[in-house]
C-alpha atoms as a PDB file:
ATOM      1  CA  MET A   1      -2.555 -18.821 -27.779  1.00  0.00           C
ATOM      2  CA  THR A   2       0.704 -17.117 -26.886  1.00  0.00           C
ATOM      3  CA  PRO A   3       2.068 -14.857 -29.618  1.00  0.00           C
ATOM      4  CA  ALA A   4       5.429 -13.169 -29.130  1.00  0.00           C
ATOM      5  CA  GLY A   5       7.174 -10.088 -30.482  1.00  0.00           C
ATOM      6  CA  GLU A   6       5.267  -7.390 -32.311  1.00  0.00           C
ATOM      7  CA  ILE A   7       1.859  -7.315 -33.935  1.00  0.00           C
ATOM      8  CA  ASP A   8       2.032  -4.915 -36.845  1.00  0.00           C
ATOM      9  CA  HIS A   9       1.464  -4.778 -40.593  1.00  0.00           C
ATOM     10  CA  HIS A  10       4.500  -7.046 -41.163  1.00  0.00           C
ATOM     11  CA  THR A  11       3.610  -9.781 -38.662  1.00  0.00           C
ATOM     12  CA  GLY A  12      -0.148  -9.502 -38.283  1.00  0.00           C
ATOM     13  CA  ASP A  13      -1.003 -12.030 -40.972  1.00  0.00           C
ATOM     14  CA  ASP A  14       0.553 -14.843 -38.919  1.00  0.00           C
ATOM     15  CA  LEU A  15      -1.636 -14.003 -35.925  1.00  0.00           C
ATOM     16  CA  LYS A  16      -4.706 -13.590 -38.131  1.00  0.00           C
ATOM     17  CA  ARG A  17      -4.215 -17.046 -39.675  1.00  0.00           C
ATOM     18  CA  ALA A  18      -3.732 -18.647 -36.254  1.00  0.00           C
ATOM     19  CA  LEU A  19      -6.837 -16.968 -34.851  1.00  0.00           C
ATOM     20  CA  ASP A  20      -8.874 -17.879 -37.936  1.00  0.00           C
ATOM     21  CA  GLU A  21      -8.011 -21.557 -37.430  1.00  0.00           C
ATOM     22  CA  VAL A  22      -9.023 -21.559 -33.780  1.00  0.00           C
ATOM     23  CA  ILE A  23     -12.136 -19.440 -34.234  1.00  0.00           C
ATOM     24  CA  ASP A  24     -13.326 -21.674 -37.072  1.00  0.00           C
ATOM     25  CA  ALA A  25     -14.563 -24.141 -34.427  1.00  0.00           C
ATOM     26  CA  ALA A  26     -18.125 -24.085 -33.102  1.00  0.00           C
ATOM     27  CA  ARG A  27     -18.446 -21.861 -30.009  1.00  0.00           C
ATOM     28  CA  PRO A  28     -14.760 -20.917 -29.925  1.00  0.00           C
ATOM     29  CA  ARG A  29     -13.298 -19.888 -26.587  1.00  0.00           C
ATOM     30  CA  VAL A  30      -9.957 -18.234 -27.130  1.00  0.00           C
ATOM     31  CA  VAL A  31      -7.570 -16.671 -24.633  1.00  0.00           C
ATOM     32  CA  LEU A  32      -4.768 -14.676 -26.201  1.00  0.00           C
ATOM     33  CA  ASP A  33      -1.832 -14.445 -23.779  1.00  0.00           C
ATOM     34  CA  MET A  34      -0.326 -11.029 -24.528  1.00  0.00           C
ATOM     35  CA  ARG A  35       2.630 -11.156 -22.071  1.00  0.00           C
ATOM     36  CA  GLN A  36       5.212 -11.472 -24.836  1.00  0.00           C
ATOM     37  CA  ILE A  37       3.863  -8.731 -27.114  1.00  0.00           C
ATOM     38  CA  GLY A  38       6.000  -5.597 -26.848  1.00  0.00           C
ATOM     39  CA  PHE A  39       4.292  -3.530 -29.528  1.00  0.00           C
ATOM     40  CA  MET A  40       1.004  -3.516 -31.402  1.00  0.00           C
ATOM     41  CA  ASP A  41      -0.172  -1.074 -34.052  1.00  0.00           C
ATOM     42  CA  SER A  42      -3.554  -0.517 -35.684  1.00  0.00           C
ATOM     43  CA  SER A  43      -3.126  -3.712 -37.712  1.00  0.00           C
ATOM     44  CA  GLY A  44      -3.163  -5.671 -34.468  1.00  0.00           C
ATOM     45  CA  ILE A  45      -6.200  -3.778 -33.213  1.00  0.00           C
ATOM     46  CA  ASN A  46      -8.087  -4.647 -36.410  1.00  0.00           C
ATOM     47  CA  ILE A  47      -7.076  -8.312 -36.161  1.00  0.00           C
ATOM     48  CA  LEU A  48      -8.297  -8.507 -32.552  1.00  0.00           C
ATOM     49  CA  LEU A  49     -11.599  -6.790 -33.336  1.00  0.00           C
ATOM     50  CA  THR A  50     -12.214  -9.049 -36.343  1.00  0.00           C
ATOM     51  CA  ALA A  51     -11.405 -12.157 -34.291  1.00  0.00           C
ATOM     52  CA  HIS A  52     -13.638 -10.965 -31.448  1.00  0.00           C
ATOM     53  CA  ARG A  53     -16.521 -10.398 -33.855  1.00  0.00           C
ATOM     54  CA  ALA A  54     -16.038 -13.813 -35.494  1.00  0.00           C
ATOM     55  CA  ALA A  55     -15.857 -15.599 -32.132  1.00  0.00           C
ATOM     56  CA  THR A  56     -18.957 -13.802 -30.863  1.00  0.00           C
ATOM     57  CA  ASP A  57     -20.864 -14.544 -34.081  1.00  0.00           C
ATOM     58  CA  ALA A  58     -19.975 -18.229 -33.632  1.00  0.00           C
ATOM     59  CA  GLY A  59     -21.336 -18.236 -30.076  1.00  0.00           C
ATOM     60  CA  GLY A  60     -17.938 -18.052 -28.381  1.00  0.00           C
ATOM     61  CA  TRP A  61     -15.564 -15.414 -27.082  1.00  0.00           C
ATOM     62  CA  LEU A  62     -12.074 -13.950 -27.251  1.00  0.00           C
ATOM     63  CA  ARG A  63     -10.283 -12.771 -24.114  1.00  0.00           C
ATOM     64  CA  LEU A  64      -6.968 -10.980 -23.785  1.00  0.00           C
ATOM     65  CA  ALA A  65      -4.642 -11.909 -20.940  1.00  0.00           C
ATOM     66  CA  ALA A  66      -1.781 -10.023 -19.306  1.00  0.00           C
ATOM     67  CA  PRO A  67      -1.120  -7.351 -21.933  1.00  0.00           C
ATOM     68  CA  THR A  68       2.155  -5.526 -21.457  1.00  0.00           C
ATOM     69  CA  GLU A  69       1.960  -1.914 -20.337  1.00  0.00           C
ATOM     70  CA  ALA A  70       2.592  -0.589 -23.856  1.00  0.00           C
ATOM     71  CA  VAL A  71      -0.021  -2.862 -25.426  1.00  0.00           C
ATOM     72  CA  LEU A  72      -2.579  -2.165 -22.698  1.00  0.00           C
ATOM     73  CA  ARG A  73      -2.127   1.553 -23.262  1.00  0.00           C
ATOM     74  CA  THR A  74      -2.832   1.082 -26.977  1.00  0.00           C
ATOM     75  CA  LEU A  75      -5.905  -1.026 -26.205  1.00  0.00           C
ATOM     76  CA  GLN A  76      -7.183   1.621 -23.792  1.00  0.00           C
ATOM     77  CA  LEU A  77      -6.493   4.563 -26.114  1.00  0.00           C
ATOM     78  CA  VAL A  78      -8.702   3.133 -28.837  1.00  0.00           C
ATOM     79  CA  GLY A  79     -11.255   1.603 -26.473  1.00  0.00           C
ATOM     80  CA  VAL A  80     -10.652  -2.032 -27.350  1.00  0.00           C
ATOM     81  CA  ASP A  81     -10.524  -2.879 -23.645  1.00  0.00           C
ATOM     82  CA  THR A  82     -14.214  -1.935 -23.457  1.00  0.00           C
ATOM     83  CA  VAL A  83     -15.121  -4.264 -26.334  1.00  0.00           C
ATOM     84  CA  ILE A  84     -12.883  -7.292 -25.713  1.00  0.00           C
ATOM     85  CA  ASP A  85     -12.477  -8.689 -22.202  1.00  0.00           C
ATOM     86  CA  CYS A  86      -8.985  -7.834 -20.969  1.00  0.00           C
ATOM     87  CA  HIS A  87      -7.638  -9.542 -17.861  1.00  0.00           C
ATOM     88  CA  PRO A  88      -4.482  -8.701 -15.893  1.00  0.00           C
ATOM     89  CA  THR A  89      -3.410 -12.370 -15.633  1.00  0.00           C
ATOM     90  CA  LEU A  90      -3.699 -15.522 -17.700  1.00  0.00           C
ATOM     91  CA  ASP A  91      -5.452 -17.344 -14.857  1.00  0.00           C
ATOM     92  CA  GLN A  92      -8.118 -14.638 -14.643  1.00  0.00           C
ATOM     93  CA  ALA A  93      -8.684 -14.773 -18.402  1.00  0.00           C
ATOM     94  CA  LEU A  94      -9.009 -18.547 -18.332  1.00  0.00           C
ATOM     95  CA  THR A  95     -11.550 -18.516 -15.523  1.00  0.00           C
ATOM     96  CA  GLY A  96     -13.424 -15.529 -16.894  1.00  0.00           C
END
């Protein structure tokens, strides 16, 4: 998946719905390409953590690829990068 723009309380529902659809499959394997996300607030963090938990519970995984500097800093500040696999490139996220 490749979202673009911002992930915040105004736009987060769109990402949540898209992730819910993909994670609804058995053993979901989802890579979220973060290259086009310029900003993410706590709403985005909660969406990612919920999706990660749902994917893990279903026997799959969620990986984040190529987060922008601003988004990576947010992920690191709250420790999400220690919970959800974060990769510097899309290729690395796809190959695990």
